[in-house]
Amino acid sequence: MTIAERSCSLFAVRAGWALGRSRGPPAFPLSVVYPGSSLTIDGAPLGVLDLAPIPEGSSAGAALRATTDLAKTVEELGFTRFWVAEHHGMPGVASSSPPVLIGHIAAATKTIRVGSGGVMLPNHPSLVVAEQFGMLEALHPGRIDLGIGRAPGTDQATAAALRHRGPDDFARQLTDLLGFFTGQWPDGHPYQTVHAIPGEGDAPDVWLLGSSGYSAQVAGVLGIPFAFAHHFMPANTLPALELYRKSFRPSEALAEPHSMIAVAVLCADTSQRAQFLAGAPTLSFLRLRQGRPGRMPSPEEAAAYPYSDLERAFVDDRRSTQVIGDPGEVLAGLRDLIKRTEVNELMITTQAFDPADRQHSFELLAAAARA
């Protein structure tokens, strides 16, 4: 038995939760989720992961409005999902409360699925998450995704302020969360008389997110979809996907494994322009790793930055795993990634200093995919 299997309670393995919309059939098979107009590359539907980045000289309010505008645009372009992340205490990221932002975006759009990429479960009581996403599903039936992660999404001091429970408690929290959605508990469980209203009977589609083999195995054992963070942990992508598929057990949610990876993409009219624009998020990430988080610098500032040899090696390594270029180069890169990983879906995350460049990147990608 694997470590992940031991961490899941017998309830998690035996209950056979009806994940997905519990008032009707689960959200799978995929024909239920994806209309015929969905944007795909080689059969893999495309979604969007956004962090509501705050550029230097801008504000959190402007960043959140830009994210909402982006959601409207990609819905028109045919993207299937729009997920927002949970990060705390980061000056350059406005997405700290996924449920609030999801509700706003879902109200501003019509058909695109809106969700979290993800909710960091150890930061929150499971009952609260069930009620929040149950309410979202009740308000926007059939359109809400709940992606769950187990990292704090912040530094240690901020995690302590959030009363982060740590990864050791994750399996219990996850099984509690799914129990609140279904109302199914083992005999004698202390939460048998506790009900999430809304939540019980209003379950969103549940995904497990991860950047390691642990989450991959847990998702497989539970028989739920798995989304891997290729955009910041590319070395683990293939091993994690293999573990997920090997560990998979059919459930009421899924008969077969269903996987997705998030990939960093920046598309511009020319390859040179794309590389220039990519300098801004790259420098921002370098500063974050150096313990100097801030708002996103301009591409001009990034181009003028005096990188040391060590910093340059870090930057080059990071950008080597991203898909940056003109539409033809980006399309070829994504096709190669789909072929190598055999994933069912791609989640595109694009960081740019100017929201107009971010939006244009998605427009170019959509045009290339349809061509």
Protein backbone atom coordinates (compact mmCIF):
# COMPACT_ATOMS: atom_id res chain seq x y z
CA MET A 1 0.00 0.00 0.00
CA THR A 2 1.33 3.44 -0.91
CA ILE A 3 1.80 6.34 1.48
CA ALA A 4 -1.05 8.18 -0.20
CA GLU A 5 -3.37 5.19 0.17
CA ARG A 6 -2.56 4.93 3.86
CA SER A 7 -3.28 8.64 4.31
CA CYS A 8 -6.79 8.29 2.84
CA SER A 9 -9.31 7.00 5.34
CA LEU A 10 -11.40 3.89 4.65
CA PHE A 11 -14.29 6.28 4.17
CA ALA A 12 -12.43 7.97 1.33
CA VAL A 13 -11.86 4.68 -0.45
CA ARG A 14 -15.22 3.01 0.20
CA ALA A 15 -17.77 5.79 0.07
CA GLY A 16 -17.78 6.13 -3.74
CA TRP A 17 -18.79 9.76 -3.51
CA ALA A 18 -21.00 11.11 -6.22
CA LEU A 19 -18.64 13.92 -7.09
CA GLY A 20 -19.89 16.37 -9.62
CA ARG A 21 -23.41 17.75 -9.56
CA SER A 22 -25.17 15.62 -6.99
CA ARG A 23 -28.68 16.62 -8.14
CA GLY A 24 -28.09 14.73 -11.38
CA PRO A 25 -25.46 12.71 -13.23
CA PRO A 26 -21.81 13.51 -12.57
CA ALA A 27 -20.22 16.05 -14.90
CA PHE A 28 -18.52 13.27 -16.88
CA PRO A 29 -18.51 11.97 -19.63
CA LEU A 30 -16.83 14.94 -21.19
CA SER A 31 -19.62 15.58 -23.66
CA VAL A 32 -21.65 16.93 -20.75
CA VAL A 33 -18.92 19.43 -19.86
CA TYR A 34 -17.74 20.61 -23.26
CA PRO A 35 -20.05 22.09 -25.90
CA GLY A 36 -19.15 21.55 -29.51
CA SER A 37 -17.69 25.05 -29.82
CA SER A 38 -15.01 24.41 -27.18
CA LEU A 39 -11.52 25.48 -28.12
CA THR A 40 -9.18 22.49 -28.37
CA ILE A 41 -5.69 21.54 -29.48
CA ASP A 42 -5.43 17.98 -30.75
CA GLY A 43 -8.63 17.13 -28.87
CA ALA A 44 -7.56 18.65 -25.55
CA PRO A 45 -9.87 21.47 -24.38
CA LEU A 46 -8.15 24.66 -23.27
CA GLY A 47 -8.80 26.44 -20.00
CA VAL A 48 -7.32 29.47 -18.26
CA LEU A 49 -5.61 29.85 -14.88
CA ASP A 50 -5.28 33.47 -13.71
CA LEU A 51 -3.66 35.08 -10.67
CA ALA A 52 -4.97 38.62 -11.15
CA PRO A 53 -1.39 39.99 -11.41
CA ILE A 54 -0.81 43.54 -10.18
CA PRO A 55 1.65 45.46 -12.39
CA GLU A 56 3.90 48.17 -10.96
CA GLY A 57 1.95 51.44 -10.87
CA SER A 58 -1.44 49.71 -10.85
CA SER A 59 -3.77 48.54 -8.07
CA ALA A 60 -5.50 45.40 -6.83
CA GLY A 61 -8.86 46.77 -8.01
CA ALA A 62 -7.57 47.35 -11.53
CA ALA A 63 -6.02 43.86 -11.57
CA LEU A 64 -9.29 42.22 -10.52
CA ARG A 65 -11.22 44.15 -13.15
CA ALA A 66 -8.68 43.06 -15.78
CA THR A 67 -9.13 39.44 -14.71
CA THR A 68 -12.90 39.77 -15.03
CA ASP A 69 -12.53 41.31 -18.50
CA LEU A 70 -10.18 38.47 -19.47
CA ALA A 71 -12.76 35.90 -18.36
CA LYS A 72 -15.36 37.49 -20.64
CA THR A 73 -12.92 37.49 -23.55
CA VAL A 74 -11.80 33.86 -23.23
CA GLU A 75 -15.42 32.75 -22.85
CA GLU A 76 -16.14 34.30 -26.26
CA LEU A 77 -13.02 32.63 -27.65
CA GLY A 78 -14.23 29.16 -26.61
CA PHE A 79 -12.04 28.36 -23.60
CA THR A 80 -13.80 25.86 -21.34
CA ARG A 81 -12.67 26.82 -17.84
CA PHE A 82 -11.50 29.93 -16.01
CA TRP A 83 -9.78 29.19 -12.70
CA VAL A 84 -8.30 31.62 -10.18
CA ALA A 85 -5.53 30.88 -7.72
CA GLU A 86 -5.22 31.42 -3.96
CA HIS A 87 -2.15 33.37 -2.87
CA HIS A 88 -1.70 35.43 0.28
CA GLY A 89 0.61 38.28 1.20
CA MET A 90 1.99 38.73 -2.32
CA PRO A 91 2.13 42.38 -3.44
CA GLY A 92 1.89 41.37 -7.09
CA VAL A 93 -1.09 38.99 -6.85
CA ALA A 94 -4.67 40.12 -6.15
CA SER A 95 -6.24 36.64 -6.15
CA SER A 96 -6.35 35.90 -2.41
CA SER A 97 -9.99 34.82 -2.05
CA PRO A 98 -11.08 32.44 -4.84
CA PRO A 99 -14.75 32.06 -3.75
CA VAL A 100 -15.34 35.82 -3.84
CA LEU A 101 -13.65 36.24 -7.21
CA ILE A 102 -15.33 33.14 -8.66
CA GLY A 103 -18.76 34.47 -7.74
CA HIS A 104 -17.98 37.80 -9.38
CA ILE A 105 -16.63 36.21 -12.57
CA ALA A 106 -19.46 33.67 -12.82
CA ALA A 107 -21.99 36.52 -12.57
CA ALA A 108 -20.15 38.43 -15.32
CA THR A 109 -20.06 35.45 -17.72
CA LYS A 110 -22.64 33.01 -19.09
CA THR A 111 -21.30 29.59 -20.01
CA ILE A 112 -17.64 29.15 -19.12
CA ARG A 113 -16.90 26.95 -16.11
CA VAL A 114 -15.40 29.01 -13.27
CA GLY A 115 -13.35 27.57 -10.46
CA SER A 116 -10.38 27.56 -8.14
CA GLY A 117 -6.89 26.60 -9.09
CA GLY A 118 -7.01 26.13 -6.27
CA VAL A 119 -8.39 26.51 -2.78
CA MET A 120 -5.58 25.67 -0.36
CA LEU A 121 -7.61 23.42 1.92
CA PRO A 122 -5.35 23.55 5.02
CA ASN A 123 -6.02 27.31 5.20
CA HIS A 124 -9.77 26.78 5.69
CA PRO A 125 -12.27 24.66 7.63
CA SER A 126 -13.70 22.03 5.32
CA LEU A 127 -17.27 22.97 6.25
CA VAL A 128 -16.71 26.58 5.20
CA VAL A 129 -15.30 25.51 1.81
CA ALA A 130 -18.27 23.17 1.29
CA GLU A 131 -20.73 25.96 2.08
CA GLN A 132 -18.94 28.52 -0.09
CA PHE A 133 -18.71 26.29 -3.15
CA GLY A 134 -22.12 24.80 -2.52
CA MET A 135 -23.52 28.31 -2.66
CA LEU A 136 -21.61 29.05 -5.84
CA GLU A 137 -22.93 25.86 -7.43
CA ALA A 138 -26.49 26.68 -6.29
CA LEU A 139 -26.21 30.14 -7.87
CA HIS A 140 -24.48 28.93 -11.04
CA PRO A 141 -25.50 25.29 -11.48
CA GLY A 142 -23.24 23.16 -13.62
CA ARG A 143 -20.56 25.85 -13.96
CA ILE A 144 -18.43 25.63 -10.79
CA ASP A 145 -15.15 23.73 -10.34
CA LEU A 146 -13.44 23.24 -6.99
CA GLY A 147 -9.72 22.61 -7.40
CA ILE A 148 -8.11 21.69 -4.09
CA GLY A 149 -4.46 22.06 -3.07
CA ARG A 150 -2.58 21.38 0.14
CA ALA A 151 0.17 24.05 0.11
CA PRO A 152 -0.32 27.29 2.07
CA GLY A 153 0.09 29.51 -1.00
CA THR A 154 2.20 31.95 1.00
CA ASP A 155 5.16 32.36 3.37
CA GLN A 156 5.38 30.74 6.83
CA ALA A 157 4.40 33.84 8.80
CA THR A 158 1.28 34.43 6.69
CA ALA A 159 0.43 30.74 6.87
CA ALA A 160 0.53 30.99 10.67
CA ALA A 161 -1.82 33.98 10.51
CA LEU A 162 -4.18 31.86 8.40
CA ARG A 163 -3.88 29.07 10.99
CA HIS A 164 -2.64 26.74 8.26
CA ARG A 165 -3.02 23.17 9.52
CA GLY A 166 -0.13 21.73 7.55
CA PRO A 167 -0.07 18.90 5.00
CA ASP A 168 -0.30 16.13 7.62
CA ASP A 169 -3.98 16.95 8.20
CA PHE A 170 -4.85 17.16 4.52
CA ALA A 171 -6.32 13.67 4.07
CA ARG A 172 -8.75 14.16 6.95
CA GLN A 173 -9.74 17.60 5.69
CA LEU A 174 -10.31 16.28 2.18
CA THR A 175 -12.50 13.40 3.32
CA ASP A 176 -14.45 15.78 5.57
CA LEU A 177 -14.99 18.16 2.65
CA LEU A 178 -16.33 15.42 0.40
CA GLY A 179 -18.49 14.17 3.26
CA PHE A 180 -20.09 17.60 3.64
CA PHE A 181 -20.92 17.62 -0.08
CA THR A 182 -22.56 14.18 -0.03
CA GLY A 183 -23.93 13.91 3.51
CA GLN A 184 -22.43 10.41 3.70
CA TRP A 185 -20.48 9.57 6.86
CA PRO A 186 -19.30 6.37 8.53
CA ASP A 187 -21.35 5.22 11.52
CA GLY A 188 -20.40 7.13 14.61
CA HIS A 189 -18.63 9.96 12.77
CA PRO A 190 -18.75 13.21 14.80
CA TYR A 191 -20.04 15.15 11.76
CA GLN A 192 -23.02 12.89 11.04
CA THR A 193 -25.42 15.58 12.25
CA VAL A 194 -23.57 18.48 10.59
CA HIS A 195 -24.91 19.68 7.25
CA ALA A 196 -23.44 22.15 4.74
CA ILE A 197 -26.35 24.26 3.46
CA PRO A 198 -25.83 25.00 0.60
CA GLY A 199 -23.24 22.36 -0.13
CA GLU A 200 -24.94 19.06 0.53
CA GLY A 201 -26.75 18.38 -2.73
CA ASP A 202 -24.99 21.26 -4.48
CA ALA A 203 -21.52 19.84 -5.09
CA PRO A 204 -19.21 21.43 -7.66
CA ASP A 205 -16.93 19.33 -9.80
CA VAL A 206 -13.97 18.46 -7.56
CA TRP A 207 -10.37 18.30 -8.78
CA LEU A 208 -7.23 17.57 -6.82
CA LEU A 209 -4.28 19.81 -7.66
CA GLY A 210 -0.66 18.94 -7.09
CA SER A 211 2.99 19.35 -7.87
CA SER A 212 4.14 16.02 -6.42
CA GLY A 213 3.43 12.32 -6.45
CA TYR A 214 1.48 12.48 -3.18
CA SER A 215 -1.46 14.42 -4.62
CA ALA A 216 -1.35 12.35 -7.80
CA GLN A 217 -1.78 9.13 -5.82
CA VAL A 218 -4.54 10.54 -3.63
CA ALA A 219 -6.47 11.71 -6.71
CA GLY A 220 -6.06 8.27 -8.24
CA VAL A 221 -7.19 6.43 -5.10
CA LEU A 222 -10.29 8.65 -4.84
CA GLY A 223 -11.05 8.38 -8.56
CA ILE A 224 -11.24 12.14 -9.14
CA PRO A 225 -9.66 14.39 -11.80
CA PHE A 226 -6.06 15.49 -11.27
CA ALA A 227 -4.46 18.79 -12.32
CA PHE A 228 -0.68 19.07 -12.21
CA ALA A 229 1.29 22.32 -11.80
CA HIS A 230 3.60 21.90 -14.78
CA HIS A 231 4.04 25.69 -14.92
CA PHE A 232 6.23 25.70 -11.81
CA MET A 233 7.26 22.05 -11.26
CA PRO A 234 7.88 20.68 -14.78
CA ALA A 235 10.44 18.07 -13.69
CA ASN A 236 7.70 16.19 -11.81
CA THR A 237 5.06 16.28 -14.53
CA LEU A 238 5.53 12.90 -16.20
CA PRO A 239 6.24 10.92 -12.98
CA ALA A 240 3.17 12.44 -11.27
CA LEU A 241 0.86 11.71 -14.20
CA GLU A 242 2.13 8.13 -14.32
CA LEU A 243 1.47 7.70 -10.59
CA TYR A 244 -2.03 9.11 -10.99
CA ARG A 245 -2.89 6.70 -13.78
CA LYS A 246 -1.37 3.70 -11.98
CA SER A 247 -3.19 4.57 -8.72
CA PHE A 248 -6.54 5.29 -10.35
CA ARG A 249 -9.64 3.50 -9.10
CA PRO A 250 -12.96 4.04 -10.92
CA SER A 251 -15.53 6.04 -8.98
CA GLU A 252 -18.97 7.56 -9.46
CA ALA A 253 -17.19 10.67 -10.72
CA LEU A 254 -14.88 8.99 -13.23
CA ALA A 255 -14.65 5.65 -14.96
CA GLU A 256 -11.17 6.44 -16.28
CA PRO A 257 -8.32 8.78 -15.26
CA HIS A 258 -8.79 12.40 -16.31
CA SER A 259 -5.79 14.70 -16.11
CA MET A 260 -4.87 18.27 -16.86
CA ILE A 261 -1.67 20.28 -16.63
CA ALA A 262 -1.19 24.00 -16.19
CA VAL A 263 1.39 25.45 -18.56
CA ALA A 264 2.90 28.94 -18.75
CA VAL A 265 2.30 30.49 -22.17
CA LEU A 266 3.02 33.88 -23.67
CA CYS A 267 2.08 34.44 -27.30
CA ALA A 268 2.75 37.62 -29.29
CA ASP A 269 2.72 38.65 -32.92
CA THR A 270 6.43 37.88 -33.22
CA SER A 271 8.79 35.63 -31.32
CA GLN A 272 10.96 38.60 -30.40
CA ARG A 273 8.01 40.48 -28.93
CA ALA A 274 6.95 37.43 -26.92
CA GLN A 275 10.44 36.98 -25.45
CA PHE A 276 10.55 40.69 -24.56
CA LEU A 277 7.17 40.57 -22.79
CA ALA A 278 8.12 37.38 -20.94
CA GLY A 279 10.95 39.21 -19.23
CA ALA A 280 8.54 40.93 -16.84
CA PRO A 281 6.96 37.85 -15.19
CA THR A 282 10.34 36.10 -15.22
CA LEU A 283 11.99 38.89 -13.21
CA SER A 284 8.98 38.99 -10.91
CA PHE A 285 9.34 35.26 -10.21
CA LEU A 286 13.09 35.60 -9.62
CA ARG A 287 12.47 38.28 -7.01
CA LEU A 288 9.83 36.11 -5.36
CA ARG A 289 12.28 33.22 -5.10
CA GLN A 290 14.86 35.60 -3.63
CA GLY A 291 12.41 36.62 -0.90
CA ARG A 292 11.75 40.02 -2.49
CA PRO A 293 8.16 39.79 -3.77
CA GLY A 294 6.73 42.87 -5.41
CA ARG A 295 4.45 44.07 -8.13
CA MET A 296 5.22 42.97 -11.65
CA PRO A 297 7.93 45.08 -13.28
CA SER A 298 7.63 46.40 -16.80
CA PRO A 299 9.30 44.50 -19.65
CA GLU A 300 11.57 47.51 -20.12
CA GLU A 301 12.76 47.23 -16.52
CA ALA A 302 13.28 43.50 -16.96
CA ALA A 303 15.29 44.02 -20.14
CA ALA A 304 17.58 46.49 -18.33
CA TYR A 305 18.02 44.37 -15.20
CA PRO A 306 21.69 43.40 -14.54
CA TYR A 307 21.35 39.65 -14.07
CA SER A 308 24.20 37.85 -12.34
CA ASP A 309 25.42 34.60 -13.87
CA LEU A 310 23.50 32.64 -11.25
CA GLU A 311 20.33 34.65 -11.81
CA ARG A 312 20.65 34.28 -15.57
CA ALA A 313 20.97 30.51 -15.23
CA PHE A 314 17.83 30.44 -13.06
CA VAL A 315 15.91 32.57 -15.55
CA ASP A 316 17.02 30.54 -18.56
CA ASP A 317 16.06 27.29 -16.83
CA ARG A 318 12.61 28.57 -15.96
CA ARG A 319 11.88 29.92 -19.43
CA SER A 320 13.04 26.70 -21.08
CA THR A 321 9.93 24.95 -19.71
CA GLN A 322 7.51 27.68 -20.77
CA VAL A 323 5.88 28.06 -24.17
CA ILE A 324 6.84 31.50 -25.48
CA GLY A 325 6.76 32.69 -29.06
CA ASP A 326 4.63 33.63 -32.04
CA PRO A 327 1.36 31.76 -32.71
CA GLY A 328 3.01 29.01 -34.76
CA GLU A 329 5.71 28.39 -32.17
CA VAL A 330 3.24 28.34 -29.30
CA LEU A 331 0.87 25.96 -31.08
CA ALA A 332 3.74 23.60 -31.89
CA GLY A 333 4.97 23.72 -28.29
CA LEU A 334 1.55 22.92 -26.85
CA ARG A 335 1.00 20.09 -29.31
CA ASP A 336 4.32 18.56 -28.30
CA LEU A 337 3.39 18.88 -24.62
CA ILE A 338 0.03 17.16 -25.18
CA LYS A 339 1.74 14.36 -27.06
CA ARG A 340 4.37 13.81 -24.34
CA THR A 341 1.99 13.98 -21.38
CA GLU A 342 -1.18 12.48 -22.93
CA VAL A 343 -3.32 14.78 -20.79
CA ASN A 344 -7.02 15.30 -21.37
CA GLU A 345 -6.95 19.09 -20.93
CA LEU A 346 -4.57 22.05 -20.87
CA MET A 347 -4.85 24.98 -18.48
CA ILE A 348 -3.08 28.04 -19.88
CA THR A 349 -1.62 30.61 -17.50
CA THR A 350 -0.28 33.84 -18.96
CA GLN A 351 1.51 36.60 -17.07
CA ALA A 352 2.17 39.97 -18.69
CA PHE A 353 2.75 43.49 -17.40
CA ASP A 354 0.02 45.02 -19.55
CA PRO A 355 -3.42 43.35 -19.35
CA ALA A 356 -3.86 44.12 -23.05
CA ASP A 357 -0.82 41.97 -23.89
CA ARG A 358 -2.21 39.18 -21.71
CA GLN A 359 -5.54 39.29 -23.49
CA HIS A 360 -3.89 39.49 -26.91
CA SER A 361 -1.87 36.36 -26.10
CA PHE A 362 -5.09 34.40 -25.59
CA GLU A 363 -6.62 35.84 -28.75
CA LEU A 364 -3.60 34.78 -30.79
CA LEU A 365 -3.60 31.32 -29.25
CA ALA A 366 -7.30 30.85 -29.95
CA ALA A 367 -6.88 31.90 -33.57
CA ALA A 368 -3.96 29.50 -34.01
CA ALA A 369 -5.85 26.62 -32.41
CA ARG A 370 -8.90 27.15 -34.62
CA ALA A 371 -6.75 27.44 -37.75
